[in-house]
Amino acid sequence: MDAVLCLVVMAAMWFWVVRQRGHWNLLLANLAGAGSAVVAGIVFTLLYDGLFGTTMAAPGLHNSLVVFMTSAGALAGVWLWIAKRRQPAHPVARQLLAGACGVAAGMITLIFLAANYFPQP
């Protein structure tokens, strides 16, 4: 039953994000919906575990949330920061450069945090 509730929360979040997409195209809205659904599912599981107790929550789930959110924030932040720059002049080249730098920043953050939060025995 706990898993069904989590899936309902995730589906509701995904549906809400796609419905409120505004001028975004459907592909970007679905990607944003999927990411926000994962975060909402993890947060719901942590809250549900704290209030009622569940076997769904893995021992390091709160660390996973921190790693996921920080990596996604680094990716999006660097992407937006570089995409706002004036160089290179062509918008496609600027987005490609911003995407590459954003992915690199997200992966470096992910590796750094995963090494600190999930040490190997």
N, C-alpha and C. Protein backbone atom coordinates (compact mmCIF):
# COMPACT_ATOMS: atom_id res chain seq x y z
N MET A 1 0.81 -1.19 0.00
CA MET A 1 0.00 0.00 0.00
C MET A 1 0.87 1.27 0.00
N ASP A 2 1.99 1.19 0.71
CA ASP A 2 2.89 2.35 0.75
C ASP A 2 3.43 2.69 -0.64
N ALA A 3 3.77 1.66 -1.39
CA ALA A 3 4.30 1.88 -2.73
C ALA A 3 3.24 2.48 -3.66
N VAL A 4 2.00 2.06 -3.49
CA VAL A 4 0.92 2.60 -4.32
C VAL A 4 0.72 4.09 -4.01
N LEU A 5 0.77 4.45 -2.73
CA LEU A 5 0.65 5.87 -2.37
C LEU A 5 1.79 6.69 -2.96
N CYS A 6 2.99 6.14 -2.91
CA CYS A 6 4.15 6.85 -3.49
C CYS A 6 3.98 7.02 -5.00
N LEU A 7 3.51 5.98 -5.67
CA LEU A 7 3.29 6.09 -7.12
C LEU A 7 2.19 7.08 -7.45
N VAL A 8 1.16 7.17 -6.63
CA VAL A 8 0.10 8.15 -6.84
C VAL A 8 0.65 9.57 -6.70
N VAL A 9 1.49 9.79 -5.69
CA VAL A 9 2.10 11.11 -5.50
C VAL A 9 3.00 11.46 -6.69
N MET A 10 3.78 10.49 -7.15
CA MET A 10 4.67 10.75 -8.28
C MET A 10 3.87 11.04 -9.55
N ALA A 11 2.82 10.27 -9.79
CA ALA A 11 2.00 10.50 -10.99
C ALA A 11 1.30 11.85 -10.93
N ALA A 12 0.82 12.22 -9.73
CA ALA A 12 0.15 13.52 -9.59
C ALA A 12 1.12 14.67 -9.85
N MET A 13 2.34 14.54 -9.36
CA MET A 13 3.34 15.58 -9.59
C MET A 13 3.68 15.68 -11.07
N TRP A 14 3.90 14.56 -11.71
CA TRP A 14 4.21 14.54 -13.13
C TRP A 14 3.07 15.18 -13.93
N PHE A 15 1.83 14.79 -13.65
CA PHE A 15 0.68 15.33 -14.34
C PHE A 15 0.57 16.84 -14.14
N TRP A 16 0.79 17.29 -12.91
CA TRP A 16 0.67 18.72 -12.61
C TRP A 16 1.72 19.53 -13.36
N VAL A 17 2.96 19.05 -13.38
CA VAL A 17 4.03 19.78 -14.06
C VAL A 17 3.77 19.84 -15.56
N VAL A 18 3.35 18.73 -16.16
CA VAL A 18 3.08 18.73 -17.60
C VAL A 18 1.88 19.62 -17.91
N ARG A 19 0.89 19.63 -17.05
CA ARG A 19 -0.30 20.46 -17.27
C ARG A 19 0.02 21.96 -17.18
N GLN A 20 0.97 22.33 -16.32
CA GLN A 20 1.32 23.73 -16.09
C GLN A 20 2.53 24.16 -16.92
N ARG A 21 2.78 23.51 -18.05
CA ARG A 21 4.02 23.75 -18.79
C ARG A 21 4.10 25.10 -19.47
N GLY A 22 3.01 25.79 -19.66
CA GLY A 22 3.05 27.10 -20.29
C GLY A 22 3.51 27.02 -21.73
N HIS A 23 4.61 27.70 -22.07
CA HIS A 23 5.11 27.75 -23.44
C HIS A 23 6.14 26.67 -23.73
N TRP A 24 6.44 25.81 -22.77
CA TRP A 24 7.39 24.73 -23.01
C TRP A 24 6.78 23.71 -23.95
N ASN A 25 7.63 23.04 -24.72
CA ASN A 25 7.10 21.96 -25.55
C ASN A 25 6.88 20.72 -24.68
N LEU A 26 6.22 19.74 -25.22
CA LEU A 26 5.79 18.57 -24.44
C LEU A 26 6.96 17.72 -23.97
N LEU A 27 8.03 17.64 -24.76
CA LEU A 27 9.19 16.84 -24.36
C LEU A 27 9.86 17.44 -23.12
N LEU A 28 10.13 18.74 -23.14
CA LEU A 28 10.74 19.37 -21.97
C LEU A 28 9.84 19.30 -20.75
N ALA A 29 8.54 19.45 -20.95
CA ALA A 29 7.61 19.36 -19.83
C ALA A 29 7.61 17.95 -19.23
N ASN A 30 7.70 16.93 -20.06
CA ASN A 30 7.75 15.56 -19.54
C ASN A 30 9.06 15.28 -18.81
N LEU A 31 10.17 15.83 -19.31
CA LEU A 31 11.45 15.67 -18.61
C LEU A 31 11.41 16.36 -17.24
N ALA A 32 10.88 17.57 -17.22
CA ALA A 32 10.75 18.27 -15.94
C ALA A 32 9.78 17.55 -15.02
N GLY A 33 8.71 17.01 -15.57
CA GLY A 33 7.75 16.25 -14.77
C GLY A 33 8.36 14.99 -14.19
N ALA A 34 9.18 14.31 -14.97
CA ALA A 34 9.84 13.09 -14.47
C ALA A 34 10.81 13.41 -13.34
N GLY A 35 11.60 14.46 -13.52
CA GLY A 35 12.54 14.84 -12.45
C GLY A 35 11.84 15.27 -11.19
N SER A 36 10.80 16.07 -11.34
CA SER A 36 10.07 16.52 -10.15
C SER A 36 9.29 15.38 -9.51
N ALA A 37 8.84 14.41 -10.30
CA ALA A 37 8.15 13.25 -9.74
C ALA A 37 9.09 12.39 -8.90
N VAL A 38 10.33 12.24 -9.35
CA VAL A 38 11.31 11.48 -8.56
C VAL A 38 11.56 12.17 -7.22
N VAL A 39 11.77 13.47 -7.26
CA VAL A 39 12.02 14.21 -6.02
C VAL A 39 10.80 14.14 -5.11
N ALA A 40 9.61 14.33 -5.67
CA ALA A 40 8.39 14.26 -4.85
C ALA A 40 8.21 12.88 -4.25
N GLY A 41 8.54 11.83 -5.01
CA GLY A 41 8.44 10.47 -4.49
C GLY A 41 9.39 10.21 -3.33
N ILE A 42 10.62 10.70 -3.46
CA ILE A 42 11.60 10.52 -2.39
C ILE A 42 11.18 11.30 -1.15
N VAL A 43 10.75 12.54 -1.34
CA VAL A 43 10.32 13.36 -0.20
C VAL A 43 9.10 12.73 0.47
N PHE A 44 8.13 12.25 -0.32
CA PHE A 44 6.96 11.59 0.25
C PHE A 44 7.36 10.37 1.05
N THR A 45 8.26 9.57 0.51
CA THR A 45 8.71 8.37 1.23
C THR A 45 9.37 8.73 2.54
N LEU A 46 10.21 9.76 2.54
CA LEU A 46 10.87 10.18 3.78
C LEU A 46 9.86 10.70 4.80
N LEU A 47 8.91 11.51 4.35
CA LEU A 47 7.89 12.02 5.28
C LEU A 47 6.99 10.90 5.79
N TYR A 48 6.58 10.01 4.92
CA TYR A 48 5.72 8.89 5.31
C TYR A 48 6.44 7.98 6.29
N ASP A 49 7.73 7.74 6.05
CA ASP A 49 8.52 6.92 6.96
C ASP A 49 8.63 7.58 8.33
N GLY A 50 8.82 8.90 8.35
CA GLY A 50 8.92 9.60 9.62
C GLY A 50 7.61 9.62 10.40
N LEU A 51 6.49 9.71 9.71
CA LEU A 51 5.19 9.79 10.38
C LEU A 51 4.63 8.42 10.75
N PHE A 52 4.66 7.49 9.81
CA PHE A 52 3.98 6.22 10.02
C PHE A 52 4.91 5.02 10.05
N GLY A 53 6.10 5.16 9.52
CA GLY A 53 7.03 4.04 9.42
C GLY A 53 6.70 3.18 8.21
N THR A 54 7.70 2.82 7.46
CA THR A 54 7.51 2.01 6.27
C THR A 54 8.79 1.23 5.99
N THR A 55 8.64 0.17 5.24
CA THR A 55 9.81 -0.60 4.83
C THR A 55 10.33 -0.14 3.48
N MET A 56 9.66 0.84 2.86
CA MET A 56 10.08 1.35 1.55
C MET A 56 11.34 2.19 1.64
N ALA A 57 11.52 2.89 2.73
CA ALA A 57 12.63 3.83 2.84
C ALA A 57 13.94 3.08 3.11
N ALA A 58 14.86 3.21 2.19
CA ALA A 58 16.18 2.62 2.37
C ALA A 58 16.95 3.43 3.41
N PRO A 59 17.95 2.83 4.06
CA PRO A 59 18.67 3.56 5.12
C PRO A 59 19.32 4.86 4.67
N GLY A 60 19.82 4.95 3.46
CA GLY A 60 20.50 6.16 3.01
C GLY A 60 19.67 7.01 2.06
N LEU A 61 18.34 6.93 2.16
CA LEU A 61 17.49 7.63 1.20
C LEU A 61 17.61 9.15 1.32
N HIS A 62 17.77 9.67 2.53
CA HIS A 62 17.92 11.12 2.69
C HIS A 62 19.23 11.59 2.06
N ASN A 63 20.27 10.79 2.12
CA ASN A 63 21.51 11.15 1.45
C ASN A 63 21.34 11.15 -0.07
N SER A 64 20.55 10.21 -0.58
CA SER A 64 20.29 10.17 -2.01
C SER A 64 19.56 11.42 -2.47
N LEU A 65 18.64 11.90 -1.65
CA LEU A 65 17.92 13.13 -2.00
C LEU A 65 18.86 14.32 -2.05
N VAL A 66 19.76 14.42 -1.10
CA VAL A 66 20.73 15.52 -1.09
C VAL A 66 21.63 15.45 -2.31
N VAL A 67 22.11 14.27 -2.65
CA VAL A 67 22.99 14.11 -3.80
C VAL A 67 22.24 14.45 -5.09
N PHE A 68 21.01 13.95 -5.24
CA PHE A 68 20.24 14.20 -6.45
C PHE A 68 19.93 15.69 -6.61
N MET A 69 19.46 16.32 -5.55
CA MET A 69 19.08 17.74 -5.64
C MET A 69 20.29 18.64 -5.89
N THR A 70 21.40 18.35 -5.24
CA THR A 70 22.59 19.17 -5.42
C THR A 70 23.17 19.02 -6.82
N SER A 71 23.20 17.80 -7.32
CA SER A 71 23.71 17.57 -8.68
C SER A 71 22.81 18.23 -9.72
N ALA A 72 21.50 18.10 -9.56
CA ALA A 72 20.57 18.73 -10.49
C ALA A 72 20.68 20.25 -10.42
N GLY A 73 20.87 20.79 -9.23
CA GLY A 73 21.03 22.23 -9.08
C GLY A 73 22.30 22.74 -9.74
N ALA A 74 23.39 21.98 -9.59
CA ALA A 74 24.64 22.38 -10.25
C ALA A 74 24.50 22.32 -11.76
N LEU A 75 23.86 21.28 -12.27
CA LEU A 75 23.66 21.16 -13.71
C LEU A 75 22.83 22.32 -14.24
N ALA A 76 21.69 22.58 -13.62
CA ALA A 76 20.81 23.65 -14.10
C ALA A 76 21.43 25.03 -13.92
N GLY A 77 22.09 25.24 -12.80
CA GLY A 77 22.68 26.55 -12.53
C GLY A 77 23.78 26.91 -13.51
N VAL A 78 24.68 25.96 -13.75
CA VAL A 78 25.78 26.22 -14.68
C VAL A 78 25.24 26.37 -16.10
N TRP A 79 24.26 25.54 -16.46
CA TRP A 79 23.66 25.64 -17.79
C TRP A 79 23.07 27.02 -18.01
N LEU A 80 22.26 27.49 -17.07
CA LEU A 80 21.63 28.81 -17.21
C LEU A 80 22.66 29.93 -17.20
N TRP A 81 23.68 29.80 -16.35
CA TRP A 81 24.71 30.83 -16.26
C TRP A 81 25.45 30.98 -17.58
N ILE A 82 25.83 29.86 -18.19
CA ILE A 82 26.58 29.93 -19.44
C ILE A 82 25.68 30.30 -20.61
N ALA A 83 24.43 29.87 -20.58
CA ALA A 83 23.51 30.20 -21.68
C ALA A 83 23.20 31.69 -21.73
N LYS A 84 23.31 32.40 -20.62
CA LYS A 84 23.05 33.84 -20.58
C LYS A 84 24.21 34.67 -21.12
N ARG A 85 25.39 34.06 -21.23
CA ARG A 85 26.55 34.80 -21.72
C ARG A 85 26.37 35.17 -23.19
N ARG A 86 27.11 36.16 -23.65
CA ARG A 86 27.02 36.63 -25.03
C ARG A 86 27.91 35.83 -25.98
N GLN A 87 28.87 35.10 -25.47
CA GLN A 87 29.82 34.38 -26.31
C GLN A 87 29.59 32.90 -26.14
N PRO A 88 29.54 32.07 -27.12
CA PRO A 88 29.54 32.36 -28.54
C PRO A 88 28.24 33.02 -28.97
N ALA A 89 28.30 33.67 -30.11
CA ALA A 89 27.19 34.51 -30.56
C ALA A 89 25.99 33.68 -31.04
N HIS A 90 26.22 32.55 -31.64
CA HIS A 90 25.10 31.76 -32.16
C HIS A 90 24.37 31.06 -31.00
N PRO A 91 23.04 31.15 -30.94
CA PRO A 91 22.30 30.59 -29.81
C PRO A 91 22.42 29.07 -29.68
N VAL A 92 22.52 28.35 -30.79
CA VAL A 92 22.64 26.90 -30.70
C VAL A 92 24.00 26.52 -30.11
N ALA A 93 25.05 27.19 -30.57
CA ALA A 93 26.38 26.93 -30.02
C ALA A 93 26.44 27.28 -28.55
N ARG A 94 25.77 28.37 -28.17
CA ARG A 94 25.74 28.78 -26.76
C ARG A 94 25.02 27.72 -25.91
N GLN A 95 23.91 27.17 -26.40
CA GLN A 95 23.19 26.14 -25.66
C GLN A 95 23.97 24.84 -25.58
N LEU A 96 24.67 24.49 -26.66
CA LEU A 96 25.50 23.28 -26.63
C LEU A 96 26.64 23.42 -25.63
N LEU A 97 27.29 24.57 -25.62
CA LEU A 97 28.36 24.81 -24.65
C LEU A 97 27.80 24.80 -23.23
N ALA A 98 26.65 25.44 -23.04
CA ALA A 98 26.03 25.48 -21.71
C ALA A 98 25.63 24.08 -21.27
N GLY A 99 25.08 23.28 -22.17
CA GLY A 99 24.70 21.91 -21.83
C GLY A 99 25.89 21.07 -21.45
N ALA A 100 26.97 21.18 -22.20
CA ALA A 100 28.17 20.40 -21.89
C ALA A 100 28.76 20.80 -20.55
N CYS A 101 28.83 22.09 -20.30
CA CYS A 101 29.37 22.55 -19.01
C CYS A 101 28.43 22.20 -17.86
N GLY A 102 27.12 22.28 -18.08
CA GLY A 102 26.16 21.91 -17.05
C GLY A 102 26.23 20.45 -16.69
N VAL A 103 26.32 19.60 -17.70
CA VAL A 103 26.43 18.16 -17.45
C VAL A 103 27.74 17.86 -16.72
N ALA A 104 28.82 18.50 -17.12
CA ALA A 104 30.10 18.29 -16.44
C ALA A 104 30.01 18.73 -14.98
N ALA A 105 29.42 19.88 -14.71
CA ALA A 105 29.29 20.35 -13.33
C ALA A 105 28.40 19.42 -12.51
N GLY A 106 27.30 18.96 -13.11
CA GLY A 106 26.43 18.02 -12.41
C GLY A 106 27.12 16.71 -12.10
N MET A 107 27.88 16.18 -13.04
CA MET A 107 28.57 14.91 -12.82
C MET A 107 29.69 15.05 -11.78
N ILE A 108 30.42 16.16 -11.83
CA ILE A 108 31.47 16.37 -10.83
C ILE A 108 30.86 16.48 -9.44
N THR A 109 29.76 17.21 -9.33
CA THR A 109 29.07 17.31 -8.04
C THR A 109 28.56 15.96 -7.58
N LEU A 110 27.98 15.20 -8.50
CA LEU A 110 27.47 13.88 -8.17
C LEU A 110 28.58 12.96 -7.69
N ILE A 111 29.69 12.95 -8.37
CA ILE A 111 30.81 12.10 -7.98
C ILE A 111 31.37 12.52 -6.63
N PHE A 112 31.54 13.82 -6.43
CA PHE A 112 32.07 14.33 -5.16
C PHE A 112 31.15 13.96 -4.00
N LEU A 113 29.86 14.22 -4.15
CA LEU A 113 28.93 13.93 -3.06
C LEU A 113 28.74 12.44 -2.84
N ALA A 114 28.72 11.67 -3.91
CA ALA A 114 28.57 10.22 -3.76
C ALA A 114 29.79 9.63 -3.04
N ALA A 115 30.96 10.17 -3.31
CA ALA A 115 32.14 9.68 -2.62
C ALA A 115 32.12 10.06 -1.14
N ASN A 116 31.52 11.20 -0.80
CA ASN A 116 31.46 11.61 0.59
C ASN A 116 30.30 10.99 1.36
N TYR A 117 29.14 10.86 0.72
CA TYR A 117 27.96 10.33 1.41
C TYR A 117 27.89 8.81 1.43
N PHE A 118 28.47 8.17 0.44
CA PHE A 118 28.38 6.72 0.32
C PHE A 118 29.77 6.10 0.27
N PRO A 119 30.52 6.15 1.36
CA PRO A 119 31.88 5.60 1.34
C PRO A 119 31.85 4.07 1.18
N GLN A 120 32.80 3.56 0.46
CA GLN A 120 32.90 2.12 0.25
C GLN A 120 33.60 1.49 1.45
N PRO A 121 33.18 0.28 1.85
CA PRO A 121 33.82 -0.38 3.01
C PRO A 121 35.22 -0.86 2.73
